[in-house]
Amino acid sequence: MARCSVCGAPAVAYIRYQRRYLCRDHYLEFVESKVERAILRHRLVGKGDRVLAAVSGGKDSSTLLAVLSRLSRRIGFHVVALYIHLGIYEYSEKSREASIRLASQLNVPLIVFDLKEVLGAGIPELAKASRRPPCSVCGMVKRYVINAAAVELGVDAVALGHNADDIAVYNLKSFLNQDLEAISKLGVKTESIPGVAVGRVRPLYYVYEKESFLYSLLAGLPFLHEECPFVERRQMEVELKETVNQLEYKRPGLKLQMVSKLAKRVEDYPKPKGSIGRCPSCGLLSSCGECSFCRVTRRALGRPMGPVVREWFRRRAQELGLGASWRSSLS
């Protein structure tokens, strides 16, 4: 039986690009230290900061919340989790249950935002009414709701669960398509725009997908193993992921090299063109008049629902004692 390279206990994992075996405890420490180094190196979160962690019920967001919860005590920041119930049949119910169990296990405050409850429609209904693909509508809705929540809750950053595999594949795909503006969005963090958008951070930027999965298992975190029934398998992304995995097998550490170089050079890529403005309906970020969320909900539901979403989070913040007073209440 292989032994941990650190303490000699039975090993549970072999880190090929470091050529060492790790036991359960040192493996958990290995992943947590990766995230901590990313946070400190890129100044993703500082002492006293308030972080909104977006959770979906999946393995990566479970790892994200667990590691942030542990590091919050060490670094001195505050974490609250947000789960968006998308109304995708039984899948969303199972995802919600996993997210609630996770937050309870970690003792992290959780806000559950139910699309059907607030808007009167979930992703299937919005996609059908707007005549857009479900995945397209879902991505847009999640981005809007997360940002609206962050603005109204008064957080300093939004933490997302994108891992190194995600970033490497998105980067390669965007480069092959020569969508250089898309690459500019793949950094470790984005900056906030006061009043309209809260900056996003990616603490799992240097964590492999397999590392995140194993962390969730070894830490005993609840997460959903099923995939969304609407998931789209774009052939190009599938093939690129397979290619990157094959290259990683031949050259251990390649994914780390890819994301590390991207993190250093991301500012050199051209930023999306267009002026930064406010949506006339909801007041949040928009580069072309009414924002996509208000435009789609106007078409699907008869009126822009951005103001409704913002008001819901505003009331929730008051109920939880968050918003502008959060920092003082948690200090």
C-alpha atoms as a PDB file:
ATOM      1  CA  MET A   1       0.000   0.000   0.000  1.00  0.00           C
ATOM      2  CA  ALA A   2       1.253   3.472  -0.922  1.00  0.00           C
ATOM      3  CA  ARG A   3       2.067   5.754   1.990  1.00  0.00           C
ATOM      4  CA  CYS A   4       1.594   9.493   2.430  1.00  0.00           C
ATOM      5  CA  SER A   5       4.754  11.349   1.423  1.00  0.00           C
ATOM      6  CA  VAL A   6       4.228  13.732   4.358  1.00  0.00           C
ATOM      7  CA  CYS A   7       3.358  11.544   7.351  1.00  0.00           C
ATOM      8  CA  GLY A   8       3.535   7.905   6.236  1.00  0.00           C
ATOM      9  CA  ALA A   9      -0.164   7.169   6.757  1.00  0.00           C
ATOM     10  CA  PRO A  10      -2.066   5.168   4.103  1.00  0.00           C
ATOM     11  CA  ALA A  11      -2.375   7.299   0.962  1.00  0.00           C
ATOM     12  CA  VAL A  12      -5.676   8.101  -0.748  1.00  0.00           C
ATOM     13  CA  ALA A  13      -4.340  10.119  -3.691  1.00  0.00           C
ATOM     14  CA  TYR A  14      -1.299  10.523  -5.896  1.00  0.00           C
ATOM     15  CA  ILE A  15      -0.522  14.029  -7.178  1.00  0.00           C
ATOM     16  CA  ARG A  16       1.233  13.258 -10.458  1.00  0.00           C
ATOM     17  CA  TYR A  17       2.567  16.748 -11.139  1.00  0.00           C
ATOM     18  CA  GLN A  18       4.146  16.814  -7.657  1.00  0.00           C
ATOM     19  CA  ARG A  19       5.111  13.129  -7.600  1.00  0.00           C
ATOM     20  CA  ARG A  20       3.842  12.549  -4.102  1.00  0.00           C
ATOM     21  CA  TYR A  21       1.200  10.524  -2.292  1.00  0.00           C
ATOM     22  CA  LEU A  22      -1.141  12.074   0.264  1.00  0.00           C
ATOM     23  CA  CYS A  23      -3.315  10.679   3.042  1.00  0.00           C
ATOM     24  CA  ARG A  24      -6.837  11.978   3.621  1.00  0.00           C
ATOM     25  CA  ASP A  25      -5.874  14.771   6.024  1.00  0.00           C
ATOM     26  CA  HIS A  26      -2.919  15.980   3.983  1.00  0.00           C
ATOM     27  CA  TYR A  27      -4.970  15.810   0.788  1.00  0.00           C
ATOM     28  CA  LEU A  28      -7.635  18.088   2.271  1.00  0.00           C
ATOM     29  CA  GLU A  29      -4.851  20.384   3.466  1.00  0.00           C
ATOM     30  CA  PHE A  30      -3.303  20.296  -0.032  1.00  0.00           C
ATOM     31  CA  VAL A  31      -6.491  21.563  -1.708  1.00  0.00           C
ATOM     32  CA  GLU A  32      -7.162  24.144   0.991  1.00  0.00           C
ATOM     33  CA  SER A  33      -3.617  25.492   0.742  1.00  0.00           C
ATOM     34  CA  LYS A  34      -4.029  25.834  -3.029  1.00  0.00           C
ATOM     35  CA  VAL A  35      -7.104  27.976  -2.516  1.00  0.00           C
ATOM     36  CA  GLU A  36      -5.498  29.973   0.275  1.00  0.00           C
ATOM     37  CA  ARG A  37      -2.456  30.752  -1.890  1.00  0.00           C
ATOM     38  CA  ALA A  38      -4.741  31.913  -4.713  1.00  0.00           C
ATOM     39  CA  ILE A  39      -6.677  34.154  -2.324  1.00  0.00           C
ATOM     40  CA  LEU A  40      -3.536  35.720  -0.867  1.00  0.00           C
ATOM     41  CA  ARG A  41      -1.554  35.954  -4.116  1.00  0.00           C
ATOM     42  CA  HIS A  42      -4.347  37.628  -6.065  1.00  0.00           C
ATOM     43  CA  ARG A  43      -5.904  39.452  -3.111  1.00  0.00           C
ATOM     44  CA  LEU A  44      -9.280  37.889  -3.803  1.00  0.00           C
ATOM     45  CA  VAL A  45     -10.553  38.367  -0.263  1.00  0.00           C
ATOM     46  CA  GLY A  46      -9.227  40.356   2.657  1.00  0.00           C
ATOM     47  CA  LYS A  47      -9.771  40.517   6.393  1.00  0.00           C
ATOM     48  CA  GLY A  48     -13.269  41.748   7.208  1.00  0.00           C
ATOM     49  CA  ASP A  49     -14.539  41.253   3.648  1.00  0.00           C
ATOM     50  CA  ARG A  50     -17.998  39.855   2.960  1.00  0.00           C
ATOM     51  CA  VAL A  51     -18.204  37.082   0.369  1.00  0.00           C
ATOM     52  CA  LEU A  52     -21.259  35.672  -1.384  1.00  0.00           C
ATOM     53  CA  ALA A  53     -20.608  32.074  -2.475  1.00  0.00           C
ATOM     54  CA  ALA A  54     -22.848  30.850  -5.291  1.00  0.00           C
ATOM     55  CA  VAL A  55     -23.763  27.195  -4.708  1.00  0.00           C
ATOM     56  CA  SER A  56     -25.572  24.862  -7.085  1.00  0.00           C
ATOM     57  CA  GLY A  57     -25.590  21.542  -5.270  1.00  0.00           C
ATOM     58  CA  GLY A  58     -22.695  20.260  -7.414  1.00  0.00           C
ATOM     59  CA  LYS A  59     -19.235  19.089  -6.375  1.00  0.00           C
ATOM     60  CA  ASP A  60     -17.312  22.262  -7.231  1.00  0.00           C
ATOM     61  CA  SER A  61     -19.591  24.659  -5.373  1.00  0.00           C
ATOM     62  CA  SER A  62     -19.615  22.239  -2.418  1.00  0.00           C
ATOM     63  CA  THR A  63     -15.811  22.256  -2.339  1.00  0.00           C
ATOM     64  CA  LEU A  64     -15.831  26.033  -2.779  1.00  0.00           C
ATOM     65  CA  LEU A  65     -18.118  26.662   0.180  1.00  0.00           C
ATOM     66  CA  ALA A  66     -16.355  24.158   2.430  1.00  0.00           C
ATOM     67  CA  VAL A  67     -12.891  25.581   1.775  1.00  0.00           C
ATOM     68  CA  LEU A  68     -14.068  29.193   2.077  1.00  0.00           C
ATOM     69  CA  SER A  69     -15.782  28.329   5.349  1.00  0.00           C
ATOM     70  CA  ARG A  70     -12.527  26.925   6.761  1.00  0.00           C
ATOM     71  CA  LEU A  71     -10.360  29.749   5.427  1.00  0.00           C
ATOM     72  CA  SER A  72     -12.784  32.432   6.609  1.00  0.00           C
ATOM     73  CA  ARG A  73     -11.813  31.683  10.186  1.00  0.00           C
ATOM     74  CA  ARG A  74      -8.115  31.734   9.358  1.00  0.00           C
ATOM     75  CA  ILE A  75      -8.087  34.863   7.187  1.00  0.00           C
ATOM     76  CA  GLY A  76     -10.957  36.687   8.888  1.00  0.00           C
ATOM     77  CA  PHE A  77     -13.632  37.205   6.225  1.00  0.00           C
ATOM     78  CA  HIS A  78     -17.362  36.406   6.289  1.00  0.00           C
ATOM     79  CA  VAL A  79     -19.263  34.008   4.013  1.00  0.00           C
ATOM     80  CA  VAL A  80     -22.922  33.687   3.064  1.00  0.00           C
ATOM     81  CA  ALA A  81     -24.171  31.201   0.458  1.00  0.00           C
ATOM     82  CA  LEU A  82     -26.769  31.685  -2.274  1.00  0.00           C
ATOM     83  CA  TYR A  83     -28.694  28.893  -3.967  1.00  0.00           C
ATOM     84  CA  ILE A  84     -30.943  29.686  -6.952  1.00  0.00           C
ATOM     85  CA  HIS A  85     -33.854  27.276  -7.388  1.00  0.00           C
ATOM     86  CA  LEU A  86     -34.234  27.291 -11.172  1.00  0.00           C
ATOM     87  CA  GLY A  87     -37.489  25.363 -11.338  1.00  0.00           C
ATOM     88  CA  ILE A  88     -35.948  22.544 -13.393  1.00  0.00           C
ATOM     89  CA  TYR A  89     -38.236  19.768 -12.236  1.00  0.00           C
ATOM     90  CA  GLU A  90     -36.861  17.153  -9.801  1.00  0.00           C
ATOM     91  CA  TYR A  91     -33.273  18.171 -10.538  1.00  0.00           C
ATOM     92  CA  SER A  92     -33.723  21.557  -8.845  1.00  0.00           C
ATOM     93  CA  GLU A  93     -35.425  19.972  -5.836  1.00  0.00           C
ATOM     94  CA  LYS A  94     -32.501  17.589  -5.322  1.00  0.00           C
ATOM     95  CA  SER A  95     -29.998  20.413  -5.823  1.00  0.00           C
ATOM     96  CA  ARG A  96     -31.763  22.538  -3.228  1.00  0.00           C
ATOM     97  CA  GLU A  97     -31.776  19.693  -0.706  1.00  0.00           C
ATOM     98  CA  ALA A  98     -28.037  19.112  -1.227  1.00  0.00           C
ATOM     99  CA  SER A  99     -27.303  22.836  -0.827  1.00  0.00           C
ATOM    100  CA  ILE A 100     -29.348  23.090   2.364  1.00  0.00           C
ATOM    101  CA  ARG A 101     -27.591  20.058   3.866  1.00  0.00           C
ATOM    102  CA  LEU A 102     -24.202  21.469   2.874  1.00  0.00           C
ATOM    103  CA  ALA A 103     -24.822  24.891   4.414  1.00  0.00           C
ATOM    104  CA  SER A 104     -26.193  23.289   7.579  1.00  0.00           C
ATOM    105  CA  GLN A 105     -23.185  20.969   7.866  1.00  0.00           C
ATOM    106  CA  LEU A 106     -20.770  23.887   7.454  1.00  0.00           C
ATOM    107  CA  ASN A 107     -22.849  26.269   9.595  1.00  0.00           C
ATOM    108  CA  VAL A 108     -22.899  28.861   6.805  1.00  0.00           C
ATOM    109  CA  PRO A 109     -25.922  31.166   6.293  1.00  0.00           C
ATOM    110  CA  LEU A 110     -27.825  30.152   3.135  1.00  0.00           C
ATOM    111  CA  ILE A 111     -30.258  32.207   1.061  1.00  0.00           C
ATOM    112  CA  VAL A 112     -32.551  30.212  -1.236  1.00  0.00           C
ATOM    113  CA  PHE A 113     -33.946  32.214  -4.156  1.00  0.00           C
ATOM    114  CA  ASP A 114     -36.836  30.424  -5.888  1.00  0.00           C
ATOM    115  CA  LEU A 115     -37.472  31.637  -9.441  1.00  0.00           C
ATOM    116  CA  LYS A 116     -41.038  30.345  -9.576  1.00  0.00           C
ATOM    117  CA  GLU A 117     -41.850  31.833  -6.199  1.00  0.00           C
ATOM    118  CA  VAL A 118     -40.484  35.281  -7.067  1.00  0.00           C
ATOM    119  CA  LEU A 119     -41.084  35.516 -10.821  1.00  0.00           C
ATOM    120  CA  GLY A 120     -43.893  33.031 -11.286  1.00  0.00           C
ATOM    121  CA  ALA A 121     -41.814  31.078 -13.811  1.00  0.00           C
ATOM    122  CA  GLY A 122     -38.762  28.827 -13.843  1.00  0.00           C
ATOM    123  CA  ILE A 123     -36.168  28.236 -16.547  1.00  0.00           C
ATOM    124  CA  PRO A 124     -38.371  25.892 -18.662  1.00  0.00           C
ATOM    125  CA  GLU A 125     -41.168  28.477 -18.808  1.00  0.00           C
ATOM    126  CA  LEU A 126     -38.840  31.423 -19.438  1.00  0.00           C
ATOM    127  CA  ALA A 127     -37.031  29.550 -22.217  1.00  0.00           C
ATOM    128  CA  LYS A 128     -40.276  28.572 -23.912  1.00  0.00           C
ATOM    129  CA  ALA A 129     -41.832  32.029 -23.662  1.00  0.00           C
ATOM    130  CA  SER A 130     -38.692  33.831 -24.854  1.00  0.00           C
ATOM    131  CA  ARG A 131     -37.949  31.233 -27.559  1.00  0.00           C
ATOM    132  CA  ARG A 132     -34.361  30.860 -26.421  1.00  0.00           C
ATOM    133  CA  PRO A 133     -32.375  27.709 -25.524  1.00  0.00           C
ATOM    134  CA  PRO A 134     -32.766  26.756 -21.839  1.00  0.00           C
ATOM    135  CA  CYS A 135     -28.994  26.855 -21.195  1.00  0.00           C
ATOM    136  CA  SER A 136     -28.752  30.353 -22.644  1.00  0.00           C
ATOM    137  CA  VAL A 137     -31.606  31.620 -20.486  1.00  0.00           C
ATOM    138  CA  CYS A 138     -30.292  29.796 -17.412  1.00  0.00           C
ATOM    139  CA  GLY A 139     -26.815  31.302 -17.648  1.00  0.00           C
ATOM    140  CA  MET A 140     -28.206  34.792 -18.104  1.00  0.00           C
ATOM    141  CA  VAL A 141     -30.665  34.418 -15.214  1.00  0.00           C
ATOM    142  CA  LYS A 142     -28.033  33.069 -12.816  1.00  0.00           C
ATOM    143  CA  ARG A 143     -25.583  35.865 -13.652  1.00  0.00           C
ATOM    144  CA  TYR A 144     -28.261  38.484 -13.060  1.00  0.00           C
ATOM    145  CA  VAL A 145     -29.654  37.026  -9.841  1.00  0.00           C
ATOM    146  CA  ILE A 146     -26.192  36.492  -8.336  1.00  0.00           C
ATOM    147  CA  ASN A 147     -25.172  40.066  -9.107  1.00  0.00           C
ATOM    148  CA  ALA A 148     -28.477  41.498  -7.854  1.00  0.00           C
ATOM    149  CA  ALA A 149     -28.061  39.530  -4.633  1.00  0.00           C
ATOM    150  CA  ALA A 150     -24.483  40.732  -4.219  1.00  0.00           C
ATOM    151  CA  VAL A 151     -25.444  44.382  -4.723  1.00  0.00           C
ATOM    152  CA  GLU A 152     -28.392  44.278  -2.322  1.00  0.00           C
ATOM    153  CA  LEU A 153     -26.594  42.221   0.337  1.00  0.00           C
ATOM    154  CA  GLY A 154     -23.671  44.616   0.287  1.00  0.00           C
ATOM    155  CA  VAL A 155     -20.951  42.015  -0.230  1.00  0.00           C
ATOM    156  CA  ASP A 156     -17.403  42.752  -1.341  1.00  0.00           C
ATOM    157  CA  ALA A 157     -17.047  39.803  -3.733  1.00  0.00           C
ATOM    158  CA  VAL A 158     -18.932  36.935  -5.366  1.00  0.00           C
ATOM    159  CA  ALA A 159     -17.127  33.575  -5.238  1.00  0.00           C
ATOM    160  CA  LEU A 160     -17.699  31.185  -8.156  1.00  0.00           C
ATOM    161  CA  GLY A 161     -16.753  27.507  -8.406  1.00  0.00           C
ATOM    162  CA  HIS A 162     -14.914  27.454 -11.749  1.00  0.00           C
ATOM    163  CA  ASN A 163     -11.973  25.039 -11.552  1.00  0.00           C
ATOM    164  CA  ALA A 164      -8.704  24.821 -13.506  1.00  0.00           C
ATOM    165  CA  ASP A 165     -10.193  22.414 -16.067  1.00  0.00           C
ATOM    166  CA  ASP A 166     -13.055  24.835 -16.785  1.00  0.00           C
ATOM    167  CA  ILE A 167     -10.689  27.762 -17.266  1.00  0.00           C
ATOM    168  CA  ALA A 168      -8.242  25.809 -19.446  1.00  0.00           C
ATOM    169  CA  VAL A 169     -10.979  24.582 -21.796  1.00  0.00           C
ATOM    170  CA  TYR A 170     -12.761  27.969 -22.006  1.00  0.00           C
ATOM    171  CA  ASN A 171      -9.429  29.636 -22.701  1.00  0.00           C
ATOM    172  CA  LEU A 172      -8.490  27.210 -25.478  1.00  0.00           C
ATOM    173  CA  LYS A 173     -11.939  27.350 -27.053  1.00  0.00           C
ATOM    174  CA  SER A 174     -11.962  31.163 -27.039  1.00  0.00           C
ATOM    175  CA  PHE A 175      -8.475  31.297 -28.541  1.00  0.00           C
ATOM    176  CA  LEU A 176      -9.374  28.887 -31.355  1.00  0.00           C
ATOM    177  CA  ASN A 177     -12.450  31.002 -32.095  1.00  0.00           C
ATOM    178  CA  GLN A 178     -10.279  34.130 -31.812  1.00  0.00           C
ATOM    179  CA  ASP A 179     -12.717  35.527 -29.263  1.00  0.00           C
ATOM    180  CA  LEU A 180     -10.007  37.394 -27.407  1.00  0.00           C
ATOM    181  CA  GLU A 181     -12.504  39.520 -25.494  1.00  0.00           C
ATOM    182  CA  ALA A 182     -13.892  36.328 -23.946  1.00  0.00           C
ATOM    183  CA  ILE A 183     -10.388  35.409 -22.746  1.00  0.00           C
ATOM    184  CA  SER A 184     -10.168  38.753 -20.940  1.00  0.00           C
ATOM    185  CA  LYS A 185     -13.018  37.554 -18.694  1.00  0.00           C
ATOM    186  CA  LEU A 186     -11.177  34.399 -17.589  1.00  0.00           C
ATOM    187  CA  GLY A 187      -8.941  35.932 -14.953  1.00  0.00           C
ATOM    188  CA  VAL A 188      -8.882  35.011 -11.284  1.00  0.00           C
ATOM    189  CA  LYS A 189     -11.070  37.999 -10.469  1.00  0.00           C
ATOM    190  CA  THR A 190     -13.032  40.893 -11.931  1.00  0.00           C
ATOM    191  CA  GLU A 191     -13.357  44.303 -10.342  1.00  0.00           C
ATOM    192  CA  SER A 192     -16.537  45.771  -8.876  1.00  0.00           C
ATOM    193  CA  ILE A 193     -18.380  48.695 -10.445  1.00  0.00           C
ATOM    194  CA  PRO A 194     -19.932  50.638  -7.548  1.00  0.00           C
ATOM    195  CA  GLY A 195     -23.705  50.430  -7.426  1.00  0.00           C
ATOM    196  CA  VAL A 196     -24.190  48.204 -10.473  1.00  0.00           C
ATOM    197  CA  ALA A 197     -21.918  45.149 -10.287  1.00  0.00           C
ATOM    198  CA  VAL A 198     -19.936  43.281  -7.632  1.00  0.00           C
ATOM    199  CA  GLY A 199     -16.581  41.773  -8.583  1.00  0.00           C
ATOM    200  CA  ARG A 200     -16.288  38.012  -9.031  1.00  0.00           C
ATOM    201  CA  VAL A 201     -13.484  35.815  -7.688  1.00  0.00           C
ATOM    202  CA  ARG A 202     -12.532  32.240  -8.609  1.00  0.00           C
ATOM    203  CA  PRO A 203     -10.863  30.626  -5.570  1.00  0.00           C
ATOM    204  CA  LEU A 204     -10.695  27.192  -7.290  1.00  0.00           C
ATOM    205  CA  TYR A 205      -8.735  28.658 -10.225  1.00  0.00           C
ATOM    206  CA  TYR A 206      -5.730  26.366  -9.612  1.00  0.00           C
ATOM    207  CA  VAL A 207      -7.704  23.323  -8.406  1.00  0.00           C
ATOM    208  CA  TYR A 208      -8.216  20.475 -10.883  1.00  0.00           C
ATOM    209  CA  GLU A 209     -11.723  19.109 -11.421  1.00  0.00           C
ATOM    210  CA  LYS A 210     -10.654  15.688 -10.109  1.00  0.00           C
ATOM    211  CA  GLU A 211      -9.083  17.340  -7.067  1.00  0.00           C
ATOM    212  CA  SER A 212     -12.320  19.173  -6.321  1.00  0.00           C
ATOM    213  CA  PHE A 213     -14.334  15.966  -6.712  1.00  0.00           C
ATOM    214  CA  LEU A 214     -12.059  13.977  -4.404  1.00  0.00           C
ATOM    215  CA  TYR A 215     -12.072  16.780  -1.832  1.00  0.00           C
ATOM    216  CA  SER A 216     -15.886  16.685  -1.717  1.00  0.00           C
ATOM    217  CA  LEU A 217     -15.835  12.915  -1.220  1.00  0.00           C
ATOM    218  CA  LEU A 218     -13.115  12.848   1.440  1.00  0.00           C
ATOM    219  CA  ALA A 219     -14.630  15.776   3.346  1.00  0.00           C
ATOM    220  CA  GLY A 220     -18.025  14.061   3.357  1.00  0.00           C
ATOM    221  CA  LEU A 221     -19.766  16.962   1.642  1.00  0.00           C
ATOM    222  CA  PRO A 222     -23.303  16.498   0.316  1.00  0.00           C
ATOM    223  CA  PHE A 223     -23.564  17.170  -3.411  1.00  0.00           C
ATOM    224  CA  LEU A 224     -25.694  16.067  -6.345  1.00  0.00           C
ATOM    225  CA  HIS A 225     -24.138  13.543  -8.723  1.00  0.00           C
ATOM    226  CA  GLU A 226     -26.751  14.065 -11.455  1.00  0.00           C
ATOM    227  CA  GLU A 227     -26.417  16.427 -14.405  1.00  0.00           C
ATOM    228  CA  CYS A 228     -29.003  19.016 -15.353  1.00  0.00           C
ATOM    229  CA  PRO A 229     -31.477  17.528 -17.884  1.00  0.00           C
ATOM    230  CA  PHE A 230     -30.964  20.589 -20.083  1.00  0.00           C
ATOM    231  CA  VAL A 231     -27.169  20.320 -20.221  1.00  0.00           C
ATOM    232  CA  GLU A 232     -25.807  20.904 -23.726  1.00  0.00           C
ATOM    233  CA  ARG A 233     -22.871  18.785 -24.865  1.00  0.00           C
ATOM    234  CA  ARG A 234     -21.139  21.025 -27.371  1.00  0.00           C
ATOM    235  CA  GLN A 235     -18.900  18.759 -29.425  1.00  0.00           C
ATOM    236  CA  MET A 236     -16.046  21.236 -29.578  1.00  0.00           C
ATOM    237  CA  GLU A 237     -15.917  21.614 -25.790  1.00  0.00           C
ATOM    238  CA  VAL A 238     -16.080  17.837 -25.292  1.00  0.00           C
ATOM    239  CA  GLU A 239     -13.192  17.261 -27.689  1.00  0.00           C
ATOM    240  CA  LEU A 240     -11.123  20.093 -26.226  1.00  0.00           C
ATOM    241  CA  LYS A 241     -11.597  18.707 -22.722  1.00  0.00           C
ATOM    242  CA  GLU A 242     -10.490  15.259 -23.886  1.00  0.00           C
ATOM    243  CA  THR A 243      -7.473  16.786 -25.629  1.00  0.00           C
ATOM    244  CA  VAL A 244      -6.445  18.789 -22.563  1.00  0.00           C
ATOM    245  CA  ASN A 245      -6.790  15.677 -20.379  1.00  0.00           C
ATOM    246  CA  GLN A 246      -4.632  13.656 -22.785  1.00  0.00           C
ATOM    247  CA  LEU A 247      -1.961  16.357 -22.765  1.00  0.00           C
ATOM    248  CA  GLU A 248      -2.128  16.522 -18.966  1.00  0.00           C
ATOM    249  CA  TYR A 249      -1.550  12.777 -18.798  1.00  0.00           C
ATOM    250  CA  LYS A 250       1.562  13.080 -20.972  1.00  0.00           C
ATOM    251  CA  ARG A 251       2.754  16.270 -19.289  1.00  0.00           C
ATOM    252  CA  PRO A 252       1.559  16.356 -15.661  1.00  0.00           C
ATOM    253  CA  GLY A 253       0.948  19.921 -14.528  1.00  0.00           C
ATOM    254  CA  LEU A 254       0.027  21.247 -17.982  1.00  0.00           C
ATOM    255  CA  LYS A 255      -3.349  22.579 -16.812  1.00  0.00           C
ATOM    256  CA  LEU A 256      -1.646  24.457 -13.997  1.00  0.00           C
ATOM    257  CA  GLN A 257       0.783  25.976 -16.483  1.00  0.00           C
ATOM    258  CA  MET A 258      -2.108  27.041 -18.723  1.00  0.00           C
ATOM    259  CA  VAL A 259      -4.111  28.786 -16.018  1.00  0.00           C
ATOM    260  CA  SER A 260      -1.028  30.273 -14.346  1.00  0.00           C
ATOM    261  CA  LYS A 261       0.127  31.885 -17.588  1.00  0.00           C
ATOM    262  CA  LEU A 262      -3.397  33.088 -18.302  1.00  0.00           C
ATOM    263  CA  ALA A 263      -3.644  34.688 -14.860  1.00  0.00           C
ATOM    264  CA  LYS A 264      -0.441  36.629 -15.572  1.00  0.00           C
ATOM    265  CA  ARG A 265      -1.398  37.726 -19.101  1.00  0.00           C
ATOM    266  CA  VAL A 266      -5.177  38.151 -18.927  1.00  0.00           C
ATOM    267  CA  GLU A 267      -4.909  41.941 -18.668  1.00  0.00           C
ATOM    268  CA  ASP A 268      -3.176  42.019 -22.064  1.00  0.00           C
ATOM    269  CA  TYR A 269      -6.295  40.803 -23.881  1.00  0.00           C
ATOM    270  CA  PRO A 270      -8.767  43.342 -25.299  1.00  0.00           C
ATOM    271  CA  LYS A 271     -11.738  44.157 -23.095  1.00  0.00           C
ATOM    272  CA  PRO A 272     -15.305  43.991 -24.460  1.00  0.00           C
ATOM    273  CA  LYS A 273     -16.238  47.161 -26.301  1.00  0.00           C
ATOM    274  CA  GLY A 274     -19.183  49.312 -25.375  1.00  0.00           C
ATOM    275  CA  SER A 275     -19.924  51.783 -22.631  1.00  0.00           C
ATOM    276  CA  ILE A 276     -20.825  50.743 -19.110  1.00  0.00           C
ATOM    277  CA  GLY A 277     -24.275  51.938 -18.171  1.00  0.00           C
ATOM    278  CA  ARG A 278     -27.314  51.211 -16.058  1.00  0.00           C
ATOM    279  CA  CYS A 279     -30.411  49.321 -17.113  1.00  0.00           C
ATOM    280  CA  PRO A 280     -33.310  51.831 -17.250  1.00  0.00           C
ATOM    281  CA  SER A 281     -35.614  49.221 -15.714  1.00  0.00           C
ATOM    282  CA  CYS A 282     -33.612  47.827 -12.781  1.00  0.00           C
ATOM    283  CA  GLY A 283     -30.595  50.115 -12.457  1.00  0.00           C
ATOM    284  CA  LEU A 284     -27.980  47.374 -12.634  1.00  0.00           C
ATOM    285  CA  LEU A 285     -25.165  46.904 -15.136  1.00  0.00           C
ATOM    286  CA  SER A 286     -26.015  47.050 -18.837  1.00  0.00           C
ATOM    287  CA  SER A 287     -23.992  47.944 -21.914  1.00  0.00           C
ATOM    288  CA  CYS A 288     -26.921  48.283 -24.320  1.00  0.00           C
ATOM    289  CA  GLY A 289     -29.971  49.920 -22.787  1.00  0.00           C
ATOM    290  CA  GLU A 290     -32.261  47.496 -20.986  1.00  0.00           C
ATOM    291  CA  CYS A 291     -30.326  44.545 -19.543  1.00  0.00           C
ATOM    292  CA  SER A 292     -30.850  41.022 -20.884  1.00  0.00           C
ATOM    293  CA  PHE A 293     -32.733  39.876 -17.788  1.00  0.00           C
ATOM    294  CA  CYS A 294     -35.262  42.695 -17.890  1.00  0.00           C
ATOM    295  CA  ARG A 295     -35.594  42.352 -21.656  1.00  0.00           C
ATOM    296  CA  VAL A 296     -36.254  38.597 -21.521  1.00  0.00           C
ATOM    297  CA  THR A 297     -38.649  38.791 -18.571  1.00  0.00           C
ATOM    298  CA  ARG A 298     -40.520  41.650 -20.232  1.00  0.00           C
ATOM    299  CA  ARG A 299     -40.981  39.476 -23.310  1.00  0.00           C
ATOM    300  CA  ALA A 300     -41.841  36.319 -21.375  1.00  0.00           C
ATOM    301  CA  LEU A 301     -43.809  37.692 -18.418  1.00  0.00           C
ATOM    302  CA  GLY A 302     -45.111  41.032 -19.629  1.00  0.00           C
ATOM    303  CA  ARG A 303     -42.882  43.284 -17.511  1.00  0.00           C
ATOM    304  CA  PRO A 304     -39.212  43.601 -16.561  1.00  0.00           C
ATOM    305  CA  MET A 305     -38.611  41.643 -13.365  1.00  0.00           C
ATOM    306  CA  GLY A 306     -35.246  43.096 -12.367  1.00  0.00           C
ATOM    307  CA  PRO A 307     -36.812  45.510  -9.847  1.00  0.00           C
ATOM    308  CA  VAL A 308     -38.776  42.612  -8.303  1.00  0.00           C
ATOM    309  CA  VAL A 309     -35.603  40.555  -7.849  1.00  0.00           C
ATOM    310  CA  ARG A 310     -33.736  43.474  -6.302  1.00  0.00           C
ATOM    311  CA  GLU A 311     -36.581  44.204  -3.906  1.00  0.00           C
ATOM    312  CA  TRP A 312     -36.736  40.546  -2.857  1.00  0.00           C
ATOM    313  CA  PHE A 313     -33.050  40.551  -1.915  1.00  0.00           C
ATOM    314  CA  ARG A 314     -33.383  43.943  -0.266  1.00  0.00           C
ATOM    315  CA  ARG A 315     -36.076  42.583   2.053  1.00  0.00           C
ATOM    316  CA  ARG A 316     -34.097  39.391   2.649  1.00  0.00           C
ATOM    317  CA  ALA A 317     -31.028  41.416   3.590  1.00  0.00           C
ATOM    318  CA  GLN A 318     -33.061  43.346   6.152  1.00  0.00           C
ATOM    319  CA  GLU A 319     -34.507  40.134   7.617  1.00  0.00           C
ATOM    320  CA  LEU A 320     -31.028  38.646   7.990  1.00  0.00           C
ATOM    321  CA  GLY A 321     -29.429  41.846   9.217  1.00  0.00           C
ATOM    322  CA  LEU A 322     -27.187  42.010   6.158  1.00  0.00           C
ATOM    323  CA  GLY A 323     -26.945  44.762   3.538  1.00  0.00           C
ATOM    324  CA  ALA A 324     -25.118  47.918   4.544  1.00  0.00           C
ATOM    325  CA  SER A 325     -25.062  46.933   8.226  1.00  0.00           C
ATOM    326  CA  TRP A 326     -23.567  43.471   7.652  1.00  0.00           C
ATOM    327  CA  ARG A 327     -19.968  44.399   8.373  1.00  0.00           C
ATOM    328  CA  SER A 328     -20.724  45.907  11.778  1.00  0.00           C
ATOM    329  CA  SER A 329     -23.137  43.125  12.752  1.00  0.00           C
ATOM    330  CA  LEU A 330     -20.571  40.400  12.040  1.00  0.00           C
ATOM    331  CA  SER A 331     -17.504  42.124  13.431  1.00  0.00           C
END
